[in-house]
């Protein structure tokens, strides 16, 4: 891959991590209050991103471009970990979970 293509892909990945992934995690925190449940659901997302970073790192090593992009890949992995450790918005700012509709009382009870 060309240096421009790799740089553009990393820029898109960084932007998506800062906006989409973080926003989804913050929203999830509003609905799921148990950290273990959040970790179970976030694990596959985190794993897929880390796997993609590893594949890119392998490709960059094979093409001799690893040194140029290594810091950005490490920063991307660190941001991914930081989302889970401390989302940028407290869970209280996420929308509240939907409430179940009340069950109507039957006549004659």
N, C-alpha and C. Protein backbone atom coordinates (compact mmCIF):
# COMPACT_ATOMS: atom_id res chain seq x y z
N UNK A 1 0.84 -1.20 0.00
CA UNK A 1 0.00 0.00 0.00
C UNK A 1 0.88 1.25 0.00
N UNK A 2 0.35 2.28 -0.61
CA UNK A 2 1.11 3.53 -0.65
C UNK A 2 1.04 4.21 0.71
N UNK A 3 2.02 5.08 0.95
CA UNK A 3 2.04 5.82 2.21
C UNK A 3 0.79 6.67 2.38
N UNK A 4 0.31 7.24 1.28
CA UNK A 4 -0.90 8.07 1.34
C UNK A 4 -2.12 7.23 1.72
N UNK A 5 -2.22 6.03 1.17
CA UNK A 5 -3.36 5.15 1.47
C UNK A 5 -3.34 4.70 2.92
N UNK A 6 -2.17 4.35 3.42
CA UNK A 6 -2.05 3.93 4.82
C UNK A 6 -2.37 5.10 5.74
N UNK A 7 -1.83 6.26 5.44
CA UNK A 7 -2.10 7.45 6.26
C UNK A 7 -3.58 7.80 6.28
N UNK A 8 -4.23 7.72 5.12
CA UNK A 8 -5.66 8.03 5.04
C UNK A 8 -6.49 7.01 5.83
N UNK A 9 -6.13 5.75 5.72
CA UNK A 9 -6.85 4.70 6.45
C UNK A 9 -6.71 4.89 7.95
N UNK A 10 -5.50 5.21 8.40
CA UNK A 10 -5.29 5.45 9.83
C UNK A 10 -6.05 6.68 10.31
N UNK A 11 -6.09 7.72 9.51
CA UNK A 11 -6.83 8.93 9.87
C UNK A 11 -8.32 8.61 10.01
N UNK A 12 -8.86 7.83 9.08
CA UNK A 12 -10.28 7.44 9.17
C UNK A 12 -10.54 6.58 10.39
N UNK A 13 -9.63 5.66 10.68
CA UNK A 13 -9.79 4.79 11.84
C UNK A 13 -9.73 5.60 13.14
N UNK A 14 -8.82 6.54 13.22
CA UNK A 14 -8.71 7.39 14.41
C UNK A 14 -9.98 8.21 14.61
N UNK A 15 -10.51 8.77 13.52
CA UNK A 15 -11.72 9.58 13.61
C UNK A 15 -12.92 8.73 14.02
N UNK A 16 -13.03 7.55 13.46
CA UNK A 16 -14.15 6.66 13.81
C UNK A 16 -14.06 6.22 15.27
N UNK A 17 -12.87 5.97 15.73
CA UNK A 17 -12.68 5.58 17.13
C UNK A 17 -13.07 6.71 18.06
N UNK A 18 -12.67 7.93 17.71
CA UNK A 18 -12.99 9.08 18.56
C UNK A 18 -14.47 9.45 18.53
N UNK A 19 -15.16 9.17 17.45
CA UNK A 19 -16.55 9.58 17.34
C UNK A 19 -17.51 8.40 17.47
N UNK A 20 -17.50 7.52 16.53
CA UNK A 20 -18.50 6.44 16.51
C UNK A 20 -18.33 5.42 17.62
N UNK A 21 -17.14 4.89 17.78
CA UNK A 21 -16.94 3.84 18.79
C UNK A 21 -17.13 4.40 20.19
N UNK A 22 -16.55 5.56 20.46
CA UNK A 22 -16.70 6.17 21.78
C UNK A 22 -18.17 6.48 22.07
N UNK A 23 -18.87 7.04 21.08
CA UNK A 23 -20.29 7.38 21.27
C UNK A 23 -21.12 6.12 21.54
N UNK A 24 -20.85 5.07 20.81
CA UNK A 24 -21.58 3.81 21.02
C UNK A 24 -21.30 3.26 22.41
N UNK A 25 -20.05 3.35 22.86
CA UNK A 25 -19.72 2.84 24.19
C UNK A 25 -20.40 3.67 25.28
N UNK A 26 -20.40 4.98 25.12
CA UNK A 26 -21.05 5.85 26.10
C UNK A 26 -22.54 5.54 26.16
N UNK A 27 -23.15 5.38 25.02
CA UNK A 27 -24.58 5.04 24.99
C UNK A 27 -24.83 3.69 25.65
N UNK A 28 -23.95 2.73 25.39
CA UNK A 28 -24.09 1.42 26.00
C UNK A 28 -24.01 1.52 27.52
N UNK A 29 -23.14 2.41 28.01
CA UNK A 29 -23.01 2.59 29.46
C UNK A 29 -24.32 3.07 30.08
N UNK A 30 -25.10 3.84 29.32
CA UNK A 30 -26.38 4.31 29.82
C UNK A 30 -27.40 3.20 29.99
N UNK A 31 -27.25 2.15 29.22
CA UNK A 31 -28.20 1.04 29.27
C UNK A 31 -27.69 -0.13 30.10
N UNK A 32 -26.41 -0.33 30.08
CA UNK A 32 -25.83 -1.48 30.79
C UNK A 32 -24.94 -0.98 31.91
N UNK A 33 -25.39 -1.14 33.11
CA UNK A 33 -24.67 -0.59 34.26
C UNK A 33 -23.61 -1.55 34.81
N UNK A 34 -23.66 -2.79 34.41
CA UNK A 34 -22.71 -3.79 34.89
C UNK A 34 -21.46 -3.80 34.00
N UNK A 35 -20.29 -3.47 34.57
CA UNK A 35 -19.06 -3.43 33.76
C UNK A 35 -18.74 -4.75 33.05
N UNK A 36 -19.06 -5.86 33.67
CA UNK A 36 -18.76 -7.16 33.04
C UNK A 36 -19.58 -7.34 31.77
N UNK A 37 -20.83 -6.92 31.79
CA UNK A 37 -21.69 -7.03 30.61
C UNK A 37 -21.16 -6.14 29.49
N UNK A 38 -20.76 -4.91 29.86
CA UNK A 38 -20.20 -4.00 28.85
C UNK A 38 -18.93 -4.60 28.24
N UNK A 39 -18.10 -5.19 29.08
CA UNK A 39 -16.85 -5.79 28.59
C UNK A 39 -17.12 -6.94 27.63
N UNK A 40 -18.16 -7.73 27.91
CA UNK A 40 -18.51 -8.84 27.03
C UNK A 40 -18.95 -8.32 25.67
N UNK A 41 -19.73 -7.25 25.65
CA UNK A 41 -20.22 -6.70 24.38
C UNK A 41 -19.15 -5.90 23.64
N UNK A 42 -18.29 -5.22 24.37
CA UNK A 42 -17.25 -4.39 23.74
C UNK A 42 -16.07 -5.24 23.28
N UNK A 43 -15.88 -6.39 23.89
CA UNK A 43 -14.74 -7.25 23.58
C UNK A 43 -14.58 -7.57 22.10
N UNK A 44 -15.64 -8.00 21.41
CA UNK A 44 -15.49 -8.31 19.98
C UNK A 44 -15.13 -7.08 19.14
N UNK A 45 -15.65 -5.92 19.50
CA UNK A 45 -15.31 -4.69 18.76
C UNK A 45 -13.83 -4.39 18.96
N UNK A 46 -13.42 -4.41 20.22
CA UNK A 46 -12.01 -4.14 20.53
C UNK A 46 -11.10 -5.17 19.86
N UNK A 47 -11.50 -6.42 19.91
CA UNK A 47 -10.70 -7.48 19.29
C UNK A 47 -10.56 -7.30 17.79
N UNK A 48 -11.64 -6.91 17.14
CA UNK A 48 -11.60 -6.72 15.68
C UNK A 48 -10.68 -5.57 15.30
N UNK A 49 -10.75 -4.48 16.06
CA UNK A 49 -9.88 -3.33 15.75
C UNK A 49 -8.42 -3.68 16.02
N UNK A 50 -8.15 -4.35 17.14
CA UNK A 50 -6.77 -4.74 17.45
C UNK A 50 -6.24 -5.73 16.42
N UNK A 51 -7.10 -6.64 15.96
CA UNK A 51 -6.69 -7.60 14.93
C UNK A 51 -6.35 -6.86 13.63
N UNK A 52 -7.18 -5.89 13.25
CA UNK A 52 -6.91 -5.12 12.04
C UNK A 52 -5.60 -4.35 12.18
N UNK A 53 -5.35 -3.79 13.36
CA UNK A 53 -4.08 -3.08 13.58
C UNK A 53 -2.90 -4.04 13.46
N UNK A 54 -3.05 -5.24 13.98
CA UNK A 54 -1.99 -6.24 13.88
C UNK A 54 -1.73 -6.66 12.44
N UNK A 55 -2.80 -6.82 11.67
CA UNK A 55 -2.63 -7.18 10.26
C UNK A 55 -1.93 -6.05 9.49
N UNK A 56 -2.33 -4.82 9.78
CA UNK A 56 -1.69 -3.69 9.12
C UNK A 56 -0.23 -3.59 9.52
N UNK A 57 0.05 -3.84 10.79
CA UNK A 57 1.43 -3.79 11.27
C UNK A 57 2.28 -4.85 10.55
N UNK A 58 1.73 -6.05 10.39
CA UNK A 58 2.44 -7.11 9.67
C UNK A 58 2.71 -6.70 8.23
N UNK A 59 1.71 -6.12 7.58
CA UNK A 59 1.87 -5.67 6.20
C UNK A 59 2.92 -4.57 6.11
N UNK A 60 2.90 -3.65 7.05
CA UNK A 60 3.86 -2.55 7.04
C UNK A 60 5.28 -3.05 7.28
N UNK A 61 5.43 -4.06 8.14
CA UNK A 61 6.75 -4.65 8.36
C UNK A 61 7.26 -5.31 7.07
N UNK A 62 6.35 -5.97 6.37
CA UNK A 62 6.74 -6.66 5.14
C UNK A 62 7.15 -5.68 4.04
N UNK A 63 6.58 -4.47 4.06
CA UNK A 63 6.90 -3.48 3.03
C UNK A 63 7.92 -2.46 3.49
N UNK A 64 8.42 -2.62 4.71
CA UNK A 64 9.44 -1.72 5.22
C UNK A 64 8.93 -0.35 5.66
N UNK A 65 7.64 -0.23 5.93
CA UNK A 65 7.06 1.04 6.32
C UNK A 65 6.66 1.08 7.80
N UNK A 66 7.01 0.06 8.55
CA UNK A 66 6.53 -0.07 9.92
C UNK A 66 6.94 1.09 10.82
N UNK A 67 8.18 1.52 10.74
CA UNK A 67 8.67 2.58 11.63
C UNK A 67 7.86 3.86 11.50
N UNK A 68 7.43 4.17 10.29
CA UNK A 68 6.70 5.40 10.03
C UNK A 68 5.33 5.41 10.72
N UNK A 69 4.66 4.25 10.78
CA UNK A 69 3.29 4.20 11.28
C UNK A 69 3.14 3.54 12.65
N UNK A 70 4.21 2.97 13.17
CA UNK A 70 4.16 2.28 14.46
C UNK A 70 3.58 3.15 15.59
N UNK A 71 4.01 4.42 15.73
CA UNK A 71 3.45 5.25 16.80
C UNK A 71 1.94 5.47 16.67
N UNK A 72 1.46 5.63 15.45
CA UNK A 72 0.02 5.84 15.26
C UNK A 72 -0.77 4.58 15.57
N UNK A 73 -0.23 3.41 15.23
CA UNK A 73 -0.90 2.16 15.56
C UNK A 73 -0.96 1.95 17.06
N UNK A 74 0.14 2.26 17.75
CA UNK A 74 0.14 2.14 19.21
C UNK A 74 -0.85 3.11 19.85
N UNK A 75 -0.90 4.32 19.32
CA UNK A 75 -1.84 5.32 19.84
C UNK A 75 -3.28 4.89 19.61
N UNK A 76 -3.55 4.29 18.47
CA UNK A 76 -4.89 3.80 18.16
C UNK A 76 -5.30 2.70 19.15
N UNK A 77 -4.39 1.78 19.42
CA UNK A 77 -4.67 0.71 20.39
C UNK A 77 -4.88 1.29 21.79
N UNK A 78 -4.10 2.30 22.15
CA UNK A 78 -4.25 2.92 23.47
C UNK A 78 -5.59 3.65 23.59
N UNK A 79 -6.03 4.31 22.52
CA UNK A 79 -7.33 4.98 22.53
C UNK A 79 -8.45 3.97 22.70
N UNK A 80 -8.30 2.82 22.06
CA UNK A 80 -9.30 1.76 22.16
C UNK A 80 -9.43 1.28 23.60
N UNK A 81 -8.30 1.11 24.27
CA UNK A 81 -8.31 0.71 25.68
C UNK A 81 -8.89 1.81 26.56
N UNK A 82 -8.57 3.06 26.24
CA UNK A 82 -9.03 4.19 27.06
C UNK A 82 -10.54 4.37 27.00
N UNK A 83 -11.15 4.03 25.89
CA UNK A 83 -12.61 4.14 25.78
C UNK A 83 -13.27 3.28 26.84
N UNK A 84 -12.79 2.08 27.00
CA UNK A 84 -13.37 1.15 27.97
C UNK A 84 -13.04 1.58 29.40
N UNK A 85 -11.85 2.11 29.59
CA UNK A 85 -11.42 2.50 30.94
C UNK A 85 -12.18 3.71 31.45
N UNK A 86 -12.39 4.70 30.59
CA UNK A 86 -13.05 5.94 31.02
C UNK A 86 -13.70 6.60 29.82
N UNK A 87 -14.98 6.32 29.56
CA UNK A 87 -15.64 6.99 28.45
C UNK A 87 -15.62 8.50 28.67
N UNK A 88 -15.60 9.26 27.58
CA UNK A 88 -15.46 10.72 27.69
C UNK A 88 -16.65 11.39 28.35
N UNK A 89 -17.82 10.80 28.26
CA UNK A 89 -18.99 11.35 28.92
C UNK A 89 -19.43 10.39 30.00
N UNK A 90 -19.86 10.89 31.14
CA UNK A 90 -20.37 9.98 32.16
C UNK A 90 -21.62 9.27 31.66
N UNK A 91 -21.86 8.09 32.18
CA UNK A 91 -23.02 7.32 31.76
C UNK A 91 -24.31 8.07 32.04
N UNK A 92 -24.32 8.98 33.02
CA UNK A 92 -25.52 9.73 33.36
C UNK A 92 -25.97 10.61 32.20
N UNK A 93 -25.07 10.99 31.30
CA UNK A 93 -25.43 11.83 30.17
C UNK A 93 -26.01 11.04 29.02
N UNK A 94 -25.88 9.73 29.06
CA UNK A 94 -26.45 8.90 28.01
C UNK A 94 -27.96 8.86 28.19
N UNK A 95 -28.71 8.60 27.13
CA UNK A 95 -30.16 8.57 27.27
C UNK A 95 -30.59 7.46 28.21
N UNK A 96 -31.65 7.68 28.97
CA UNK A 96 -32.10 6.65 29.91
C UNK A 96 -32.66 5.46 29.15
N UNK A 97 -32.63 4.28 29.77
CA UNK A 97 -33.19 3.11 29.10
C UNK A 97 -34.70 3.27 28.95
N UNK A 98 -35.30 2.66 27.93
CA UNK A 98 -36.74 2.78 27.75
C UNK A 98 -37.49 2.12 28.89
N UNK A 99 -38.61 2.71 29.25
CA UNK A 99 -39.44 2.18 30.33
C UNK A 99 -40.50 1.26 29.73
N UNK A 100 -40.79 0.20 30.45
CA UNK A 100 -41.84 -0.71 30.00
C UNK A 100 -43.19 -0.03 30.19
N UNK A 101 -44.10 -0.28 29.27
CA UNK A 101 -45.44 0.29 29.38
C UNK A 101 -46.16 -0.37 30.55
N UNK A 102 -46.94 0.41 31.32
CA UNK A 102 -47.66 -0.19 32.44
C UNK A 102 -48.70 -1.19 31.93
N UNK A 103 -48.92 -2.21 32.71
CA UNK A 103 -49.91 -3.23 32.36
C UNK A 103 -51.28 -2.73 32.83
N UNK A 104 -52.24 -2.62 31.92
CA UNK A 104 -53.55 -2.10 32.33
C UNK A 104 -54.25 -3.11 33.24
N UNK A 105 -54.94 -2.56 34.22
CA UNK A 105 -55.69 -3.41 35.14
C UNK A 105 -56.97 -3.85 34.45
N UNK A 106 -57.33 -5.10 34.69
CA UNK A 106 -58.56 -5.63 34.09
C UNK A 106 -59.75 -5.25 34.96
N UNK A 107 -60.87 -5.00 34.36
CA UNK A 107 -62.10 -4.68 35.09
C UNK A 107 -62.53 -5.89 35.91
N UNK A 108 -63.03 -5.60 37.10
CA UNK A 108 -63.53 -6.69 37.95
C UNK A 108 -62.52 -7.18 38.95
N UNK A 109 -61.32 -6.62 39.00
CA UNK A 109 -60.33 -7.08 39.98
C UNK A 109 -60.37 -6.22 41.20
